[in-house]
Each structure stands twice: as structure tokens, then as C-alpha cells.
Protein backbone atom coordinates (compact mmCIF):
# COMPACT_ATOMS: atom_id res chain seq x y z
CA MET A 1 202.84 126.82 -51.17
CA THR A 2 198.84 127.31 -50.42
CA ARG A 3 195.75 126.86 -52.67
CA HIS A 4 196.14 131.26 -53.31
CA SER A 5 199.34 131.18 -54.18
CA ARG A 6 198.97 128.34 -57.11
CA GLN A 7 196.17 130.57 -58.02
CA ARG A 8 198.29 133.45 -57.96
CA ASN A 9 201.08 132.04 -60.46
CA VAL A 10 198.47 130.63 -62.78
CA ALA A 11 196.98 133.97 -63.18
CA PHE A 12 200.03 135.79 -63.37
CA LEU A 13 201.74 133.62 -66.20
CA GLY A 14 198.18 133.34 -67.89
CA ALA A 15 198.21 137.50 -67.92
CA VAL A 16 202.03 137.45 -68.88
CA VAL A 17 200.95 134.97 -72.01
CA LEU A 18 198.19 137.37 -72.98
CA ALA A 19 199.82 140.25 -73.02
CA ALA A 20 202.61 138.39 -75.29
CA ALA A 21 199.66 137.88 -77.64
CA ALA A 22 198.05 141.15 -77.33
CA ILE A 23 201.57 142.68 -78.48
CA VAL A 24 202.01 140.60 -81.25
CA GLY A 25 198.39 141.09 -82.35
CA GLY A 26 198.86 145.22 -82.33
CA LEU A 27 202.25 144.80 -84.13
CA ARG A 28 200.40 142.36 -86.88
CA HIS A 29 197.43 145.58 -86.69
CA LEU A 30 194.78 143.04 -85.41
CA TYR A 31 194.02 145.96 -83.22
CA PRO A 32 190.38 144.37 -81.83
CA TYR A 33 192.12 141.06 -80.49
CA ALA A 34 194.57 143.05 -79.24
CA LEU A 35 192.63 145.52 -77.32
CA VAL A 36 190.50 142.21 -76.12
CA LEU A 37 193.46 140.51 -75.01
CA GLY A 38 194.76 143.47 -73.30
CA PHE A 39 191.63 143.45 -71.44
CA GLY A 40 191.85 139.65 -70.68
CA VAL A 41 195.40 141.15 -69.18
CA LEU A 42 193.95 143.45 -66.81
CA VAL A 43 191.46 140.64 -65.64
CA LEU A 44 193.90 138.42 -64.79
CA THR A 45 196.32 141.01 -63.18
CA GLU A 46 193.60 141.62 -60.88
CA ALA A 47 193.08 137.99 -60.11
CA ALA A 48 196.55 137.70 -59.28
CA LEU A 49 196.56 140.71 -57.05
CA ARG A 50 193.29 139.05 -55.52
CA ALA A 51 195.16 135.71 -54.78
CA ASP A 52 198.28 137.37 -53.43
CA ARG A 53 196.11 139.20 -50.73
CA ALA A 54 194.17 135.97 -49.60
CA HIS A 55 197.48 133.80 -49.67
CA ARG A 56 199.02 136.80 -47.38
CA ARG A 57 196.35 136.70 -45.10
CA GLU A 58 196.14 132.80 -45.11
CA VAL A 59 199.92 132.83 -43.95
CA ARG A 60 199.47 135.74 -41.67
CA GLU A 61 196.27 133.92 -40.43
CA HIS A 62 198.58 130.65 -39.87
CA ASP A 63 201.62 132.60 -38.28
CA TRP A 64 198.99 134.05 -35.78
CA ALA A 65 197.00 130.23 -35.01
CA ARG A 66 200.95 128.92 -34.49
CA ARG A 67 201.27 131.74 -31.87
CA GLN A 68 198.32 131.41 -29.82
CA ALA A 69 198.71 127.34 -29.80
CA VAL A 70 201.76 127.73 -28.09
CA GLY A 71 200.82 129.55 -25.54
CA GLU A 72 201.81 133.40 -26.74
CA ASN A 73 198.72 136.34 -26.58
CA PRO A 74 199.26 137.61 -30.04
CA GLY A 75 197.05 140.28 -30.94
CA PRO A 76 193.85 140.28 -33.67
CA LEU A 77 195.11 140.96 -37.25
CA TRP A 78 194.16 143.88 -38.87
CA PRO A 79 191.41 143.76 -40.23
CA CYS A 80 190.55 140.93 -37.79
CA CYS A 81 189.03 139.04 -40.48
CA LEU A 82 188.10 139.79 -44.28
CA LEU A 83 184.00 139.77 -43.14
CA ALA A 84 184.96 142.22 -40.96
CA GLU A 85 186.41 144.41 -43.41
CA ALA A 86 183.80 143.79 -46.34
CA SER A 87 180.83 144.36 -43.73
CA LYS A 88 182.33 147.22 -42.22
CA GLY A 89 182.72 145.34 -38.61
CA GLU A 90 178.74 144.63 -38.50
CA ALA A 91 180.20 140.87 -38.93
CA HIS A 92 182.78 138.48 -38.21
CA SER A 93 184.11 135.33 -39.50
CA PRO A 94 184.33 131.97 -37.78
CA ARG A 95 188.17 132.57 -38.63
CA CYS A 96 188.47 136.22 -37.02
CA THR A 97 191.02 136.58 -34.91
CA GLY A 98 189.55 139.62 -32.92
CA ASP A 99 188.97 139.67 -29.36
CA LEU A 100 185.13 139.32 -29.63
CA THR A 101 183.36 137.56 -27.03
CA THR A 102 180.53 134.67 -27.85
CA GLN A 103 177.89 137.15 -26.48
CA GLN A 104 179.03 140.01 -28.50
CA PHE A 105 179.38 137.95 -31.83
CA LEU A 106 175.89 136.20 -31.23
CA ALA A 107 174.66 140.24 -30.42
CA ILE A 108 176.06 140.95 -33.86
CA VAL A 109 174.56 138.11 -35.87
CA ALA A 110 171.10 138.74 -34.42
CA HIS A 111 170.83 142.34 -35.66
CA LEU A 112 172.26 141.25 -39.31
CA ASP A 113 168.10 141.10 -40.86
CA ASP A 114 167.59 144.65 -39.15
CA HIS A 115 168.75 146.62 -42.41
């Protein structure tokens, strides 16, 4: 169980509890409270989805590193790293699974302040 899977489980459980509380609030005509609790459900559901995505990525990276350690030559994951996805390929993280050479990586990093 990874850190992200624990976060996912806690956020999902919190969303379920808040959803139940929102339903009870709605049935008791406490609409402002039900609305706030419903917003909490949305926030916790988003947190659970993000944690699940990070968990799946961590598992894929672990499998990729294990395959590379035993001598296989696995292709890069897509996206090669989460930083590359967020920066539209302009930057790469140290855990990048892409096939960048050190010179390519340093060239990318050298131009980060050009914008």
C-alpha cells in the first residue's frame, strides 16, 4: 500500500461520510449545511481521484524500474514524467522514464528562465 493509496482511501471515506451527512441535512431541511457538505464531497472526491492517479503512476514507475533493473529495456511511460506533462514537455523530473540524454536534459533546464 503506497502513501497515495492511503490518501485515496481516507479521502473516499471522508467523501462518503460527508455525503451521508449532506443527505441527512437535506432531509431535515438544513439546506445551507447540506450545500456546504455537498461541496466538501466534491473536494474530497477530487482529492481521492488525484491520489488514485498518483498511486497508479507510482505503481507503473515501480514496475518500470524493476523491469529495467533485471536487464529489460522497457519503453518510456506516457507521459514520461508528471513534470513533463504539466510543463508540456519543457521540463523533466529526476524520476523521468524518458530516453533523454544528460545533455538534452541540461539544455532543457538551461532554458527554463527564458520565458
